[in-house]
C-alpha atoms as a PDB file:
ATOM      1  CA  MET A   1       2.526   1.003 215.812  1.00  0.00           C
ATOM      2  CA  ARG A   2       4.814  -1.321 213.880  1.00  0.00           C
ATOM      3  CA  GLU A   3       5.582  -4.884 214.923  1.00  0.00           C
ATOM      4  CA  LEU A   4       8.341  -7.229 213.808  1.00  0.00           C
ATOM      5  CA  ALA A   5       9.504 -10.611 215.057  1.00  0.00           C
ATOM      6  CA  VAL A   6      12.903 -12.190 215.536  1.00  0.00           C
ATOM      7  CA  ASP A   7      12.288 -15.747 214.353  1.00  0.00           C
ATOM      8  CA  LEU A   8      14.186 -18.135 216.614  1.00  0.00           C
ATOM      9  CA  GLY A   9      11.659 -20.922 216.925  1.00  0.00           C
ATOM     10  CA  GLU A  10      10.355 -21.296 220.473  1.00  0.00           C
ATOM     11  CA  ARG A  11      12.622 -18.405 221.551  1.00  0.00           C
ATOM     12  CA  SER A  12      11.160 -15.976 219.015  1.00  0.00           C
ATOM     13  CA  TYR A  13      10.198 -12.559 220.310  1.00  0.00           C
ATOM     14  CA  PRO A  14       8.433  -9.411 219.127  1.00  0.00           C
ATOM     15  CA  ILE A  15       9.787  -5.927 218.454  1.00  0.00           C
ATOM     16  CA  PHE A  16       7.232  -3.161 218.987  1.00  0.00           C
ATOM     17  CA  ILE A  17       7.976   0.251 217.449  1.00  0.00           C
ATOM     18  CA  GLY A  18       5.900   3.365 217.945  1.00  0.00           C
ATOM     19  CA  SER A  19       4.841   6.374 219.975  1.00  0.00           C
ATOM     20  CA  GLY A  20       3.830   5.674 223.580  1.00  0.00           C
ATOM     21  CA  VAL A  21       5.167   2.115 223.595  1.00  0.00           C
ATOM     22  CA  LEU A  22       7.012   2.733 226.867  1.00  0.00           C
ATOM     23  CA  THR A  23       3.778   2.791 228.865  1.00  0.00           C
ATOM     24  CA  ALA A  24       1.750   0.332 226.789  1.00  0.00           C
ATOM     25  CA  HIS A  25       1.046  -2.285 229.464  1.00  0.00           C
ATOM     26  CA  GLU A  26      -0.697  -4.561 226.991  1.00  0.00           C
ATOM     27  CA  LEU A  27       2.612  -4.977 225.138  1.00  0.00           C
ATOM     28  CA  LEU A  28       4.820  -5.553 228.181  1.00  0.00           C
ATOM     29  CA  LEU A  29       2.774  -7.569 230.682  1.00  0.00           C
ATOM     30  CA  PRO A  30       2.414 -10.732 228.542  1.00  0.00           C
ATOM     31  CA  HIS A  31       6.210 -11.053 228.619  1.00  0.00           C
ATOM     32  CA  LEU A  32       6.612 -10.948 232.403  1.00  0.00           C
ATOM     33  CA  GLU A  33       6.618 -14.414 233.951  1.00  0.00           C
ATOM     34  CA  GLN A  34       5.600 -13.174 237.387  1.00  0.00           C
ATOM     35  CA  PRO A  35       3.990 -10.011 238.813  1.00  0.00           C
ATOM     36  CA  ARG A  36       7.302  -8.439 239.761  1.00  0.00           C
ATOM     37  CA  ALA A  37      10.312  -7.066 237.933  1.00  0.00           C
ATOM     38  CA  VAL A  38      13.735  -5.574 238.529  1.00  0.00           C
ATOM     39  CA  LEU A  39      14.138  -2.462 236.411  1.00  0.00           C
ATOM     40  CA  VAL A  40      17.676  -1.352 235.514  1.00  0.00           C
ATOM     41  CA  THR A  41      18.370   2.159 234.266  1.00  0.00           C
ATOM     42  CA  ASN A  42      20.947   4.935 234.658  1.00  0.00           C
ATOM     43  CA  GLU A  43      21.259   8.368 236.199  1.00  0.00           C
ATOM     44  CA  THR A  44      20.417  10.119 232.930  1.00  0.00           C
ATOM     45  CA  VAL A  45      17.348   8.093 231.962  1.00  0.00           C
ATOM     46  CA  ALA A  46      15.893   7.633 235.470  1.00  0.00           C
ATOM     47  CA  PRO A  47      14.643  11.229 235.913  1.00  0.00           C
ATOM     48  CA  LEU A  48      12.992  11.071 232.493  1.00  0.00           C
ATOM     49  CA  TYR A  49      11.279   7.678 232.377  1.00  0.00           C
ATOM     50  CA  LEU A  50      11.736   5.564 235.519  1.00  0.00           C
ATOM     51  CA  GLU A  51       8.664   6.847 237.352  1.00  0.00           C
ATOM     52  CA  ARG A  52       6.537   6.624 234.220  1.00  0.00           C
ATOM     53  CA  VAL A  53       7.339   2.944 233.616  1.00  0.00           C
ATOM     54  CA  THR A  54       7.203   2.038 237.321  1.00  0.00           C
ATOM     55  CA  THR A  55       3.783   3.665 237.735  1.00  0.00           C
ATOM     56  CA  MET A  56       2.430   1.834 234.712  1.00  0.00           C
ATOM     57  CA  LEU A  57       3.579  -1.512 236.092  1.00  0.00           C
ATOM     58  CA  GLU A  58       2.388  -0.879 239.633  1.00  0.00           C
ATOM     59  CA  ARG A  59      -1.058   0.106 238.353  1.00  0.00           C
ATOM     60  CA  HIS A  60      -1.255  -3.413 236.980  1.00  0.00           C
ATOM     61  CA  ALA A  61      -0.165  -5.075 240.230  1.00  0.00           C
ATOM     62  CA  VAL A  62       3.459  -5.609 239.242  1.00  0.00           C
ATOM     63  CA  ARG A  63       5.962  -5.037 242.044  1.00  0.00           C
ATOM     64  CA  VAL A  64       8.970  -3.080 240.805  1.00  0.00           C
ATOM     65  CA  ASP A  65      12.444  -2.907 242.319  1.00  0.00           C
ATOM     66  CA  SER A  66      14.883  -0.637 240.537  1.00  0.00           C
ATOM     67  CA  VAL A  67      18.601  -0.034 240.344  1.00  0.00           C
ATOM     68  CA  VAL A  68      20.036   3.196 238.954  1.00  0.00           C
ATOM     69  CA  LEU A  69      23.569   2.930 237.557  1.00  0.00           C
ATOM     70  CA  PRO A  70      26.075   5.620 236.583  1.00  0.00           C
ATOM     71  CA  ASP A  71      25.904   6.641 232.930  1.00  0.00           C
ATOM     72  CA  GLY A  72      28.704   5.976 230.462  1.00  0.00           C
ATOM     73  CA  GLU A  73      30.676   3.330 228.600  1.00  0.00           C
ATOM     74  CA  GLN A  74      33.439   3.591 231.219  1.00  0.00           C
ATOM     75  CA  TYR A  75      31.034   2.034 233.753  1.00  0.00           C
ATOM     76  CA  LYS A  76      30.293  -1.050 231.665  1.00  0.00           C
ATOM     77  CA  ASN A  77      32.370  -3.274 233.930  1.00  0.00           C
ATOM     78  CA  TRP A  78      32.277  -5.859 236.723  1.00  0.00           C
ATOM     79  CA  GLN A  79      32.069  -3.261 239.467  1.00  0.00           C
ATOM     80  CA  THR A  80      28.909  -1.708 238.039  1.00  0.00           C
ATOM     81  CA  LEU A  81      27.433  -5.085 237.113  1.00  0.00           C
ATOM     82  CA  GLU A  82      27.675  -6.144 240.747  1.00  0.00           C
ATOM     83  CA  LYS A  83      25.198  -3.386 241.650  1.00  0.00           C
ATOM     84  CA  ILE A  84      22.602  -5.274 239.583  1.00  0.00           C
ATOM     85  CA  TYR A  85      23.479  -8.568 241.263  1.00  0.00           C
ATOM     86  CA  ASP A  86      23.301  -6.892 244.683  1.00  0.00           C
ATOM     87  CA  THR A  87      19.775  -5.685 243.930  1.00  0.00           C
ATOM     88  CA  LEU A  88      18.747  -9.147 242.740  1.00  0.00           C
ATOM     89  CA  VAL A  89      20.075 -10.669 245.958  1.00  0.00           C
ATOM     90  CA  ASP A  90      18.616  -7.985 248.226  1.00  0.00           C
ATOM     91  CA  THR A  91      15.148  -8.295 246.687  1.00  0.00           C
ATOM     92  CA  ARG A  92      15.253 -12.110 246.619  1.00  0.00           C
ATOM     93  CA  ALA A  93      14.790 -12.220 242.885  1.00  0.00           C
ATOM     94  CA  GLU A  94      14.068 -15.662 241.491  1.00  0.00           C
ATOM     95  CA  ARG A  95      15.122 -17.373 238.299  1.00  0.00           C
ATOM     96  CA  THR A  96      11.817 -16.350 236.713  1.00  0.00           C
ATOM     97  CA  THR A  97      11.950 -12.753 237.938  1.00  0.00           C
ATOM     98  CA  PRO A  98      12.181 -10.605 234.794  1.00  0.00           C
ATOM     99  CA  LEU A  99      14.749  -7.847 234.423  1.00  0.00           C
ATOM    100  CA  ILE A 100      13.848  -4.758 232.400  1.00  0.00           C
ATOM    101  CA  ALA A 101      16.560  -2.740 230.662  1.00  0.00           C
ATOM    102  CA  LEU A 102      15.471   0.902 230.417  1.00  0.00           C
ATOM    103  CA  GLY A 103      18.154   2.932 228.697  1.00  0.00           C
ATOM    104  CA  GLY A 104      20.764   2.840 225.961  1.00  0.00           C
ATOM    105  CA  GLY A 105      23.187   0.214 224.778  1.00  0.00           C
ATOM    106  CA  VAL A 106      25.262   0.063 227.952  1.00  0.00           C
ATOM    107  CA  ILE A 107      22.189  -0.558 230.118  1.00  0.00           C
ATOM    108  CA  GLY A 108      20.836  -3.124 227.678  1.00  0.00           C
ATOM    109  CA  ASP A 109      24.128  -4.995 227.437  1.00  0.00           C
ATOM    110  CA  MET A 110      24.693  -5.095 231.207  1.00  0.00           C
ATOM    111  CA  THR A 111      21.098  -5.963 232.087  1.00  0.00           C
ATOM    112  CA  GLY A 112      21.105  -8.725 229.503  1.00  0.00           C
ATOM    113  CA  PHE A 113      24.375 -10.132 230.837  1.00  0.00           C
ATOM    114  CA  ALA A 114      23.065  -9.981 234.399  1.00  0.00           C
ATOM    115  CA  ALA A 115      19.946 -11.850 233.246  1.00  0.00           C
ATOM    116  CA  ALA A 116      22.033 -14.430 231.377  1.00  0.00           C
ATOM    117  CA  THR A 117      24.070 -15.198 234.480  1.00  0.00           C
ATOM    118  CA  TRP A 118      21.567 -14.723 237.319  1.00  0.00           C
ATOM    119  CA  GLN A 119      20.752 -18.224 238.576  1.00  0.00           C
ATOM    120  CA  ARG A 120      22.000 -19.497 235.184  1.00  0.00           C
ATOM    121  CA  GLY A 121      19.473 -17.560 233.154  1.00  0.00           C
ATOM    122  CA  ALA A 122      16.604 -15.186 233.918  1.00  0.00           C
ATOM    123  CA  PRO A 123      14.199 -13.524 231.463  1.00  0.00           C
ATOM    124  CA  PHE A 124      14.615  -9.897 230.456  1.00  0.00           C
ATOM    125  CA  VAL A 125      12.933  -7.249 228.330  1.00  0.00           C
ATOM    126  CA  GLN A 126      14.604  -4.467 226.376  1.00  0.00           C
ATOM    127  CA  MET A 127      13.171  -0.927 226.510  1.00  0.00           C
ATOM    128  CA  PRO A 128      15.822   1.033 224.574  1.00  0.00           C
ATOM    129  CA  THR A 129      15.792   4.826 224.810  1.00  0.00           C
ATOM    130  CA  THR A 130      18.626   5.754 222.409  1.00  0.00           C
ATOM    131  CA  LEU A 131      18.588   5.413 218.639  1.00  0.00           C
ATOM    132  CA  LEU A 132      21.688   3.212 218.689  1.00  0.00           C
ATOM    133  CA  ALA A 133      20.082   0.784 221.116  1.00  0.00           C
ATOM    134  CA  GLN A 134      16.774   0.845 219.259  1.00  0.00           C
ATOM    135  CA  VAL A 135      18.261  -0.081 215.884  1.00  0.00           C
ATOM    136  CA  ASP A 136      21.057  -2.375 216.990  1.00  0.00           C
ATOM    137  CA  SER A 137      22.079  -3.455 220.477  1.00  0.00           C
ATOM    138  CA  SER A 138      18.600  -4.210 221.872  1.00  0.00           C
ATOM    139  CA  VAL A 139      17.951  -6.792 219.132  1.00  0.00           C
ATOM    140  CA  GLY A 140      19.820 -10.063 218.778  1.00  0.00           C
ATOM    141  CA  GLY A 141      20.776 -11.199 222.259  1.00  0.00           C
ATOM    142  CA  LYS A 142      24.383 -10.064 222.458  1.00  0.00           C
ATOM    143  CA  THR A 143      25.089  -9.104 226.072  1.00  0.00           C
ATOM    144  CA  ALA A 144      28.420  -8.125 227.594  1.00  0.00           C
ATOM    145  CA  ILE A 145      30.625  -5.959 229.735  1.00  0.00           C
ATOM    146  CA  ASN A 146      33.995  -4.487 228.825  1.00  0.00           C
ATOM    147  CA  HIS A 147      37.477  -5.401 229.970  1.00  0.00           C
ATOM    148  CA  PRO A 148      40.029  -2.583 230.305  1.00  0.00           C
ATOM    149  CA  ARG A 149      41.901  -4.152 227.381  1.00  0.00           C
ATOM    150  CA  GLY A 150      38.961  -4.999 225.165  1.00  0.00           C
ATOM    151  CA  LYS A 151      35.357  -4.013 224.498  1.00  0.00           C
ATOM    152  CA  ASN A 152      32.569  -6.563 225.091  1.00  0.00           C
ATOM    153  CA  MET A 153      35.090  -9.288 225.866  1.00  0.00           C
ATOM    154  CA  ILE A 154      33.016 -10.809 228.691  1.00  0.00           C
ATOM    155  CA  GLY A 155      29.484 -11.742 227.711  1.00  0.00           C
ATOM    156  CA  ALA A 156      26.885 -14.227 226.549  1.00  0.00           C
ATOM    157  CA  PHE A 157      24.211 -14.731 223.929  1.00  0.00           C
ATOM    158  CA  HIS A 158      20.898 -14.292 225.752  1.00  0.00           C
ATOM    159  CA  GLN A 159      17.775 -13.276 223.855  1.00  0.00           C
ATOM    160  CA  PRO A 160      15.206 -10.882 225.363  1.00  0.00           C
ATOM    161  CA  ARG A 161      11.536 -11.826 225.684  1.00  0.00           C
ATOM    162  CA  ALA A 162      10.488  -8.628 223.889  1.00  0.00           C
ATOM    163  CA  VAL A 163      11.845  -5.314 222.634  1.00  0.00           C
ATOM    164  CA  LEU A 164       9.705  -2.208 223.188  1.00  0.00           C
ATOM    165  CA  ILE A 165      10.910   0.782 221.160  1.00  0.00           C
ATOM    166  CA  ASP A 166       9.224   4.068 222.021  1.00  0.00           C
ATOM    167  CA  THR A 167      10.148   6.601 219.356  1.00  0.00           C
ATOM    168  CA  ASP A 168       9.064   9.433 221.679  1.00  0.00           C
ATOM    169  CA  THR A 169      12.210   8.895 223.777  1.00  0.00           C
ATOM    170  CA  LEU A 170      14.322  10.304 220.959  1.00  0.00           C
ATOM    171  CA  ALA A 171      12.905  13.759 221.725  1.00  0.00           C
ATOM    172  CA  THR A 172      14.982  13.829 224.932  1.00  0.00           C
ATOM    173  CA  LEU A 173      18.084  12.332 223.327  1.00  0.00           C
ATOM    174  CA  PRO A 174      21.041  14.734 222.949  1.00  0.00           C
ATOM    175  CA  LEU A 175      21.828  15.502 219.318  1.00  0.00           C
ATOM    176  CA  ARG A 176      25.268  13.925 219.617  1.00  0.00           C
ATOM    177  CA  GLU A 177      23.699  10.633 220.756  1.00  0.00           C
ATOM    178  CA  LEU A 178      21.189  10.778 217.900  1.00  0.00           C
ATOM    179  CA  ARG A 179      23.983  11.247 215.389  1.00  0.00           C
ATOM    180  CA  ALA A 180      25.909   8.337 216.939  1.00  0.00           C
ATOM    181  CA  GLY A 181      22.892   6.076 216.478  1.00  0.00           C
ATOM    182  CA  LEU A 182      22.723   6.987 212.798  1.00  0.00           C
ATOM    183  CA  ALA A 183      26.075   5.267 212.276  1.00  0.00           C
ATOM    184  CA  GLU A 184      24.453   1.894 212.962  1.00  0.00           C
ATOM    185  CA  VAL A 185      21.507   2.807 210.726  1.00  0.00           C
ATOM    186  CA  ILE A 186      23.887   3.616 207.866  1.00  0.00           C
ATOM    187  CA  LYS A 187      25.701   0.340 208.515  1.00  0.00           C
ATOM    188  CA  TYR A 188      22.671  -1.709 207.469  1.00  0.00           C
ATOM    189  CA  GLY A 189      22.564   0.048 204.121  1.00  0.00           C
ATOM    190  CA  LEU A 190      26.248  -0.634 203.588  1.00  0.00           C
ATOM    191  CA  ILE A 191      26.285  -4.330 204.466  1.00  0.00           C
ATOM    192  CA  ARG A 192      23.099  -5.662 202.831  1.00  0.00           C
ATOM    193  CA  ASP A 193      20.530  -3.033 201.829  1.00  0.00           C
ATOM    194  CA  ALA A 194      21.660  -0.693 199.053  1.00  0.00           C
ATOM    195  CA  ALA A 195      18.113   0.602 198.544  1.00  0.00           C
ATOM    196  CA  PHE A 196      18.020   1.655 202.208  1.00  0.00           C
ATOM    197  CA  PHE A 197      21.364   3.444 201.801  1.00  0.00           C
ATOM    198  CA  GLU A 198      19.888   5.396 198.898  1.00  0.00           C
ATOM    199  CA  TRP A 199      16.805   6.210 200.998  1.00  0.00           C
ATOM    200  CA  LEU A 200      19.082   7.506 203.752  1.00  0.00           C
ATOM    201  CA  GLU A 201      20.855   9.748 201.246  1.00  0.00           C
ATOM    202  CA  GLY A 202      17.493  11.321 200.509  1.00  0.00           C
ATOM    203  CA  HIS A 203      16.180  11.542 204.083  1.00  0.00           C
ATOM    204  CA  MET A 204      19.109  12.310 206.402  1.00  0.00           C
ATOM    205  CA  GLU A 205      17.861  15.795 207.235  1.00  0.00           C
ATOM    206  CA  ALA A 206      14.409  14.404 208.036  1.00  0.00           C
ATOM    207  CA  LEU A 207      15.946  11.915 210.456  1.00  0.00           C
ATOM    208  CA  LEU A 208      17.982  14.613 212.184  1.00  0.00           C
ATOM    209  CA  ALA A 209      14.798  16.682 212.494  1.00  0.00           C
ATOM    210  CA  LEU A 210      13.070  13.634 214.056  1.00  0.00           C
ATOM    211  CA  GLU A 211      10.271  13.611 211.511  1.00  0.00           C
ATOM    212  CA  PRO A 212       8.064  10.800 212.865  1.00  0.00           C
ATOM    213  CA  GLY A 213       7.471   8.960 209.602  1.00  0.00           C
ATOM    214  CA  ALA A 214      11.127   8.952 208.627  1.00  0.00           C
ATOM    215  CA  VAL A 215      12.274   7.910 212.099  1.00  0.00           C
ATOM    216  CA  ALA A 216       9.782   5.038 212.349  1.00  0.00           C
ATOM    217  CA  PHE A 217      10.696   3.797 208.872  1.00  0.00           C
ATOM    218  CA  ALA A 218      14.449   3.909 209.572  1.00  0.00           C
ATOM    219  CA  ILE A 219      14.088   2.068 212.880  1.00  0.00           C
ATOM    220  CA  GLU A 220      11.815  -0.583 211.381  1.00  0.00           C
ATOM    221  CA  ARG A 221      14.063  -1.119 208.338  1.00  0.00           C
ATOM    222  CA  SER A 222      17.143  -1.383 210.571  1.00  0.00           C
ATOM    223  CA  CYS A 223      15.456  -3.815 212.965  1.00  0.00           C
ATOM    224  CA  ARG A 224      14.158  -5.886 210.072  1.00  0.00           C
ATOM    225  CA  ASN A 225      17.662  -6.210 208.658  1.00  0.00           C
ATOM    226  CA  LYS A 226      19.043  -7.121 212.084  1.00  0.00           C
ATOM    227  CA  ALA A 227      16.244  -9.615 212.777  1.00  0.00           C
ATOM    228  CA  GLU A 228      16.761 -11.397 209.460  1.00  0.00           C
ATOM    229  CA  VAL A 229      20.492 -11.779 210.069  1.00  0.00           C
ATOM    230  CA  VAL A 230      20.044 -12.958 213.671  1.00  0.00           C
ATOM    231  CA  ALA A 231      17.383 -15.485 212.651  1.00  0.00           C
ATOM    232  CA  ALA A 232      19.778 -16.954 210.088  1.00  0.00           C
ATOM    233  CA  ASP A 233      22.874 -16.961 212.327  1.00  0.00           C
ATOM    234  CA  GLU A 234      22.103 -16.392 216.004  1.00  0.00           C
ATOM    235  CA  THR A 235      25.561 -17.065 217.458  1.00  0.00           C
ATOM    236  CA  GLU A 236      27.675 -15.470 214.726  1.00  0.00           C
ATOM    237  CA  ARG A 237      29.065 -18.486 212.910  1.00  0.00           C
ATOM    238  CA  GLY A 238      28.632 -16.895 209.507  1.00  0.00           C
ATOM    239  CA  GLU A 239      26.428 -14.094 208.164  1.00  0.00           C
ATOM    240  CA  ARG A 240      25.980 -12.321 211.498  1.00  0.00           C
ATOM    241  CA  ALA A 241      29.642 -11.336 211.426  1.00  0.00           C
ATOM    242  CA  LEU A 242      28.730  -8.838 208.696  1.00  0.00           C
ATOM    243  CA  LEU A 243      26.994  -6.751 211.369  1.00  0.00           C
ATOM    244  CA  ASN A 244      30.488  -5.977 212.671  1.00  0.00           C
ATOM    245  CA  LEU A 245      31.329  -3.651 209.781  1.00  0.00           C
ATOM    246  CA  GLY A 246      33.532  -0.931 211.252  1.00  0.00           C
ATOM    247  CA  HIS A 247      33.464  -2.464 214.713  1.00  0.00           C
ATOM    248  CA  THR A 248      36.938  -4.016 214.800  1.00  0.00           C
ATOM    249  CA  PHE A 249      38.428  -0.614 214.030  1.00  0.00           C
ATOM    250  CA  GLY A 250      35.840   1.185 216.167  1.00  0.00           C
ATOM    251  CA  HIS A 251      36.376  -0.999 219.221  1.00  0.00           C
ATOM    252  CA  ALA A 252      40.114  -0.343 218.954  1.00  0.00           C
ATOM    253  CA  ILE A 253      39.391   3.403 219.033  1.00  0.00           C
ATOM    254  CA  GLU A 254      37.139   3.003 222.086  1.00  0.00           C
ATOM    255  CA  THR A 255      39.626   0.809 223.939  1.00  0.00           C
ATOM    256  CA  GLY A 256      42.578   2.981 222.989  1.00  0.00           C
ATOM    257  CA  THR A 257      40.842   6.096 224.329  1.00  0.00           C
ATOM    258  CA  GLY A 258      39.850   4.401 227.599  1.00  0.00           C
ATOM    259  CA  TYR A 259      36.114   4.320 226.758  1.00  0.00           C
ATOM    260  CA  VAL A 260      35.851   8.080 227.243  1.00  0.00           C
ATOM    261  CA  GLY A 261      35.612  10.885 224.702  1.00  0.00           C
ATOM    262  CA  TRP A 262      34.236   8.782 221.845  1.00  0.00           C
ATOM    263  CA  LEU A 263      30.709   7.413 221.622  1.00  0.00           C
ATOM    264  CA  HIS A 264      30.352   3.920 220.174  1.00  0.00           C
ATOM    265  CA  GLY A 265      28.586   5.159 217.059  1.00  0.00           C
ATOM    266  CA  GLU A 266      31.249   7.783 216.436  1.00  0.00           C
ATOM    267  CA  ALA A 267      33.986   5.171 216.633  1.00  0.00           C
ATOM    268  CA  VAL A 268      32.023   2.848 214.336  1.00  0.00           C
ATOM    269  CA  ALA A 269      31.593   5.660 211.794  1.00  0.00           C
ATOM    270  CA  VAL A 270      35.357   6.101 211.535  1.00  0.00           C
ATOM    271  CA  GLY A 271      35.765   2.325 211.595  1.00  0.00           C
ATOM    272  CA  MET A 272      33.427   1.936 208.617  1.00  0.00           C
ATOM    273  CA  LEU A 273      35.516   4.447 206.695  1.00  0.00           C
ATOM    274  CA  MET A 274      38.699   2.562 207.592  1.00  0.00           C
ATOM    275  CA  ALA A 275      37.046  -0.599 206.256  1.00  0.00           C
ATOM    276  CA  ALA A 276      36.030   1.310 203.132  1.00  0.00           C
ATOM    277  CA  GLU A 277      39.618   2.526 202.699  1.00  0.00           C
ATOM    278  CA  VAL A 278      40.836  -1.075 202.850  1.00  0.00           C
ATOM    279  CA  SER A 279      38.158  -2.090 200.337  1.00  0.00           C
ATOM    280  CA  LEU A 280      39.205   0.750 198.018  1.00  0.00           C
ATOM    281  CA  ARG A 281      42.830  -0.351 198.114  1.00  0.00           C
ATOM    282  CA  LEU A 282      41.820  -3.941 197.319  1.00  0.00           C
ATOM    283  CA  GLY A 283      39.890  -2.738 194.278  1.00  0.00           C
ATOM    284  CA  TRP A 284      36.532  -3.771 195.737  1.00  0.00           C
ATOM    285  CA  LEU A 285      35.157  -0.256 196.164  1.00  0.00           C
ATOM    286  CA  ASP A 286      35.559   2.713 193.829  1.00  0.00           C
ATOM    287  CA  GLU A 287      36.283   6.347 194.659  1.00  0.00           C
ATOM    288  CA  ASN A 288      32.692   7.410 194.013  1.00  0.00           C
ATOM    289  CA  GLU A 289      31.330   4.837 196.473  1.00  0.00           C
ATOM    290  CA  LEU A 290      33.847   5.912 199.111  1.00  0.00           C
ATOM    291  CA  ALA A 291      32.805   9.523 198.580  1.00  0.00           C
ATOM    292  CA  ARG A 292      29.127   8.611 198.980  1.00  0.00           C
ATOM    293  CA  ILE A 293      29.829   6.813 202.252  1.00  0.00           C
ATOM    294  CA  GLU A 294      31.912   9.664 203.615  1.00  0.00           C
ATOM    295  CA  GLY A 295      29.371  12.225 202.437  1.00  0.00           C
ATOM    296  CA  LEU A 296      26.475  10.525 204.185  1.00  0.00           C
ATOM    297  CA  LEU A 297      28.430  10.214 207.431  1.00  0.00           C
ATOM    298  CA  ILE A 298      29.336  13.902 207.260  1.00  0.00           C
ATOM    299  CA  ARG A 299      25.680  14.845 206.684  1.00  0.00           C
ATOM    300  CA  ALA A 300      24.780  12.753 209.732  1.00  0.00           C
ATOM    301  CA  GLY A 301      27.242  14.859 211.739  1.00  0.00           C
ATOM    302  CA  LEU A 302      29.599  11.958 212.379  1.00  0.00           C
ATOM    303  CA  PRO A 303      33.408  12.081 212.479  1.00  0.00           C
ATOM    304  CA  VAL A 304      35.332  10.859 209.448  1.00  0.00           C
ATOM    305  CA  GLN A 305      38.778  10.965 211.080  1.00  0.00           C
ATOM    306  CA  GLY A 306      39.871   9.122 214.204  1.00  0.00           C
ATOM    307  CA  PRO A 307      41.402  10.464 217.416  1.00  0.00           C
ATOM    308  CA  GLY A 308      44.964  10.187 216.139  1.00  0.00           C
ATOM    309  CA  LEU A 309      45.932   6.882 217.741  1.00  0.00           C
ATOM    310  CA  PRO A 310      49.201   5.542 216.277  1.00  0.00           C
ATOM    311  CA  VAL A 311      48.743   2.799 213.701  1.00  0.00           C
ATOM    312  CA  ASP A 312      50.718   0.326 215.799  1.00  0.00           C
ATOM    313  CA  GLU A 313      48.456   0.975 218.786  1.00  0.00           C
ATOM    314  CA  MET A 314      45.350   0.460 216.660  1.00  0.00           C
ATOM    315  CA  LEU A 315      46.761  -2.835 215.386  1.00  0.00           C
ATOM    316  CA  HIS A 316      47.608  -3.863 218.955  1.00  0.00           C
ATOM    317  CA  TRP A 317      44.024  -3.459 220.123  1.00  0.00           C
ATOM    318  CA  MET A 318      42.633  -5.019 216.941  1.00  0.00           C
ATOM    319  CA  ALA A 319      44.798  -8.127 217.471  1.00  0.00           C
ATOM    320  CA  GLY A 320      42.800  -8.900 220.616  1.00  0.00           C
ATOM    321  CA  ASP A 321      39.426  -8.437 218.942  1.00  0.00           C
ATOM    322  CA  LYS A 322      36.721 -11.113 219.173  1.00  0.00           C
ATOM    323  CA  LYS A 323      36.765 -11.508 215.391  1.00  0.00           C
ATOM    324  CA  VAL A 324      40.308 -12.907 215.461  1.00  0.00           C
ATOM    325  CA  SER A 325      40.207 -16.618 214.576  1.00  0.00           C
ATOM    326  CA  GLY A 326      43.166 -18.971 214.472  1.00  0.00           C
ATOM    327  CA  GLY A 327      45.419 -16.024 215.168  1.00  0.00           C
ATOM    328  CA  ARG A 328      44.229 -14.237 212.009  1.00  0.00           C
ATOM    329  CA  LEU A 329      42.367 -10.934 211.995  1.00  0.00           C
ATOM    330  CA  ARG A 330      39.060 -11.234 210.151  1.00  0.00           C
ATOM    331  CA  LEU A 331      37.679  -7.975 208.791  1.00  0.00           C
ATOM    332  CA  VAL A 332      34.284  -7.054 207.389  1.00  0.00           C
ATOM    333  CA  LEU A 333      34.881  -5.215 204.122  1.00  0.00           C
ATOM    334  CA  LEU A 334      32.753  -3.905 201.261  1.00  0.00           C
ATOM    335  CA  GLN A 335      32.518  -5.126 197.679  1.00  0.00           C
ATOM    336  CA  GLY A 336      30.177  -2.276 196.896  1.00  0.00           C
ATOM    337  CA  ILE A 337      27.448  -0.418 198.757  1.00  0.00           C
ATOM    338  CA  GLY A 338      25.025  -3.039 200.030  1.00  0.00           C
ATOM    339  CA  ARG A 339      27.451  -5.955 199.797  1.00  0.00           C
ATOM    340  CA  ALA A 340      29.757  -6.893 202.665  1.00  0.00           C
ATOM    341  CA  VAL A 341      32.135  -9.825 203.029  1.00  0.00           C
ATOM    342  CA  VAL A 342      34.379 -11.242 205.739  1.00  0.00           C
ATOM    343  CA  THR A 343      38.009 -11.849 204.899  1.00  0.00           C
ATOM    344  CA  ALA A 344      41.325 -12.534 206.581  1.00  0.00           C
ATOM    345  CA  GLU A 345      43.252 -11.892 203.374  1.00  0.00           C
ATOM    346  CA  VAL A 346      44.327  -8.277 203.809  1.00  0.00           C
ATOM    347  CA  PRO A 347      47.996  -7.435 203.195  1.00  0.00           C
ATOM    348  CA  PRO A 348      49.497  -5.712 206.266  1.00  0.00           C
ATOM    349  CA  SER A 349      50.655  -2.762 204.168  1.00  0.00           C
ATOM    350  CA  VAL A 350      47.096  -2.170 202.925  1.00  0.00           C
ATOM    351  CA  LEU A 351      45.675  -2.350 206.428  1.00  0.00           C
ATOM    352  CA  ARG A 352      48.260   0.087 207.784  1.00  0.00           C
ATOM    353  CA  ALA A 353      47.671   2.546 204.945  1.00  0.00           C
ATOM    354  CA  ALA A 354      43.906   2.461 205.437  1.00  0.00           C
ATOM    355  CA  ILE A 355      44.174   3.093 209.182  1.00  0.00           C
ATOM    356  CA  GLU A 356      46.658   5.909 208.649  1.00  0.00           C
ATOM    357  CA  ALA A 357      44.340   7.544 206.111  1.00  0.00           C
ATOM    358  CA  ARG A 358      41.596   7.893 208.748  1.00  0.00           C
ATOM    359  CA  SER A 359      43.507   8.110 212.028  1.00  0.00           C
END
């Protein structure tokens, strides 16, 4: 098993990575403030892992109440969130009653937001079961739900007490979901870890084949990169914004398609290429680097062209993005593989051309 820490002083927490972590009571129990928990999962994950985790907890005298939500980004909204609140009310959950998020990024984001707002802040634990959640959304304390006109527009920063990553859960993950998670893995190489990008170029097939050593290394390296950035800039006042590479474009794709048809990682993959196209046109990235980025995404089985949304529609959704500041759109761009920057100085004609190239 591998263990990392997100260093946030008295709010620091561990990340456990390995086989069998999901039922390792010795890792979970120390992070539960009372011998009860509310476990949140979805209709896809529940048949696979709910009973396993519940049985483990009950064997150690922890009372478990659970809520099973519908599966999909389109359900990441107030109406679904209220099902969590209803369970908390019905079971008389207290401010110290821990919530456990068992599932992918949507479950983690909604459970975290419910915890952040339940009685002004309850503890929660992340147990991510998708690659995307394991390498990105479960770490760092960003919690949110979507608005019909913008992704993750309603949320809070609320750190988990622990993150338990069981690599065995990837064996039941659909291939499309695995590929989507690889987009976030590749992102870390692009924004701050050129050596990791090169490693990915040499090990993509091993990751797709779920070779245990390669998978554990990629998850640990991704989480380490995320943890270092979060420790330096928890609430995204500076460096943490670099983690949004491809996300302003990607969120516009997700919003513009009504949160159906495109997985988050797929949209981010195209978004990273749109950012790379902007960088190329600014002279910050060369043709060979763009080809390497596109080639790795293709080998991961990710899309390299968008859904065909009109440029004006993309710009409309991007104008409402959370990264807009002072009325100016701030984009994460690349000055080479492994070096990202944030800028608001992109000529409109360059931005339009880059979007059109990948729409």
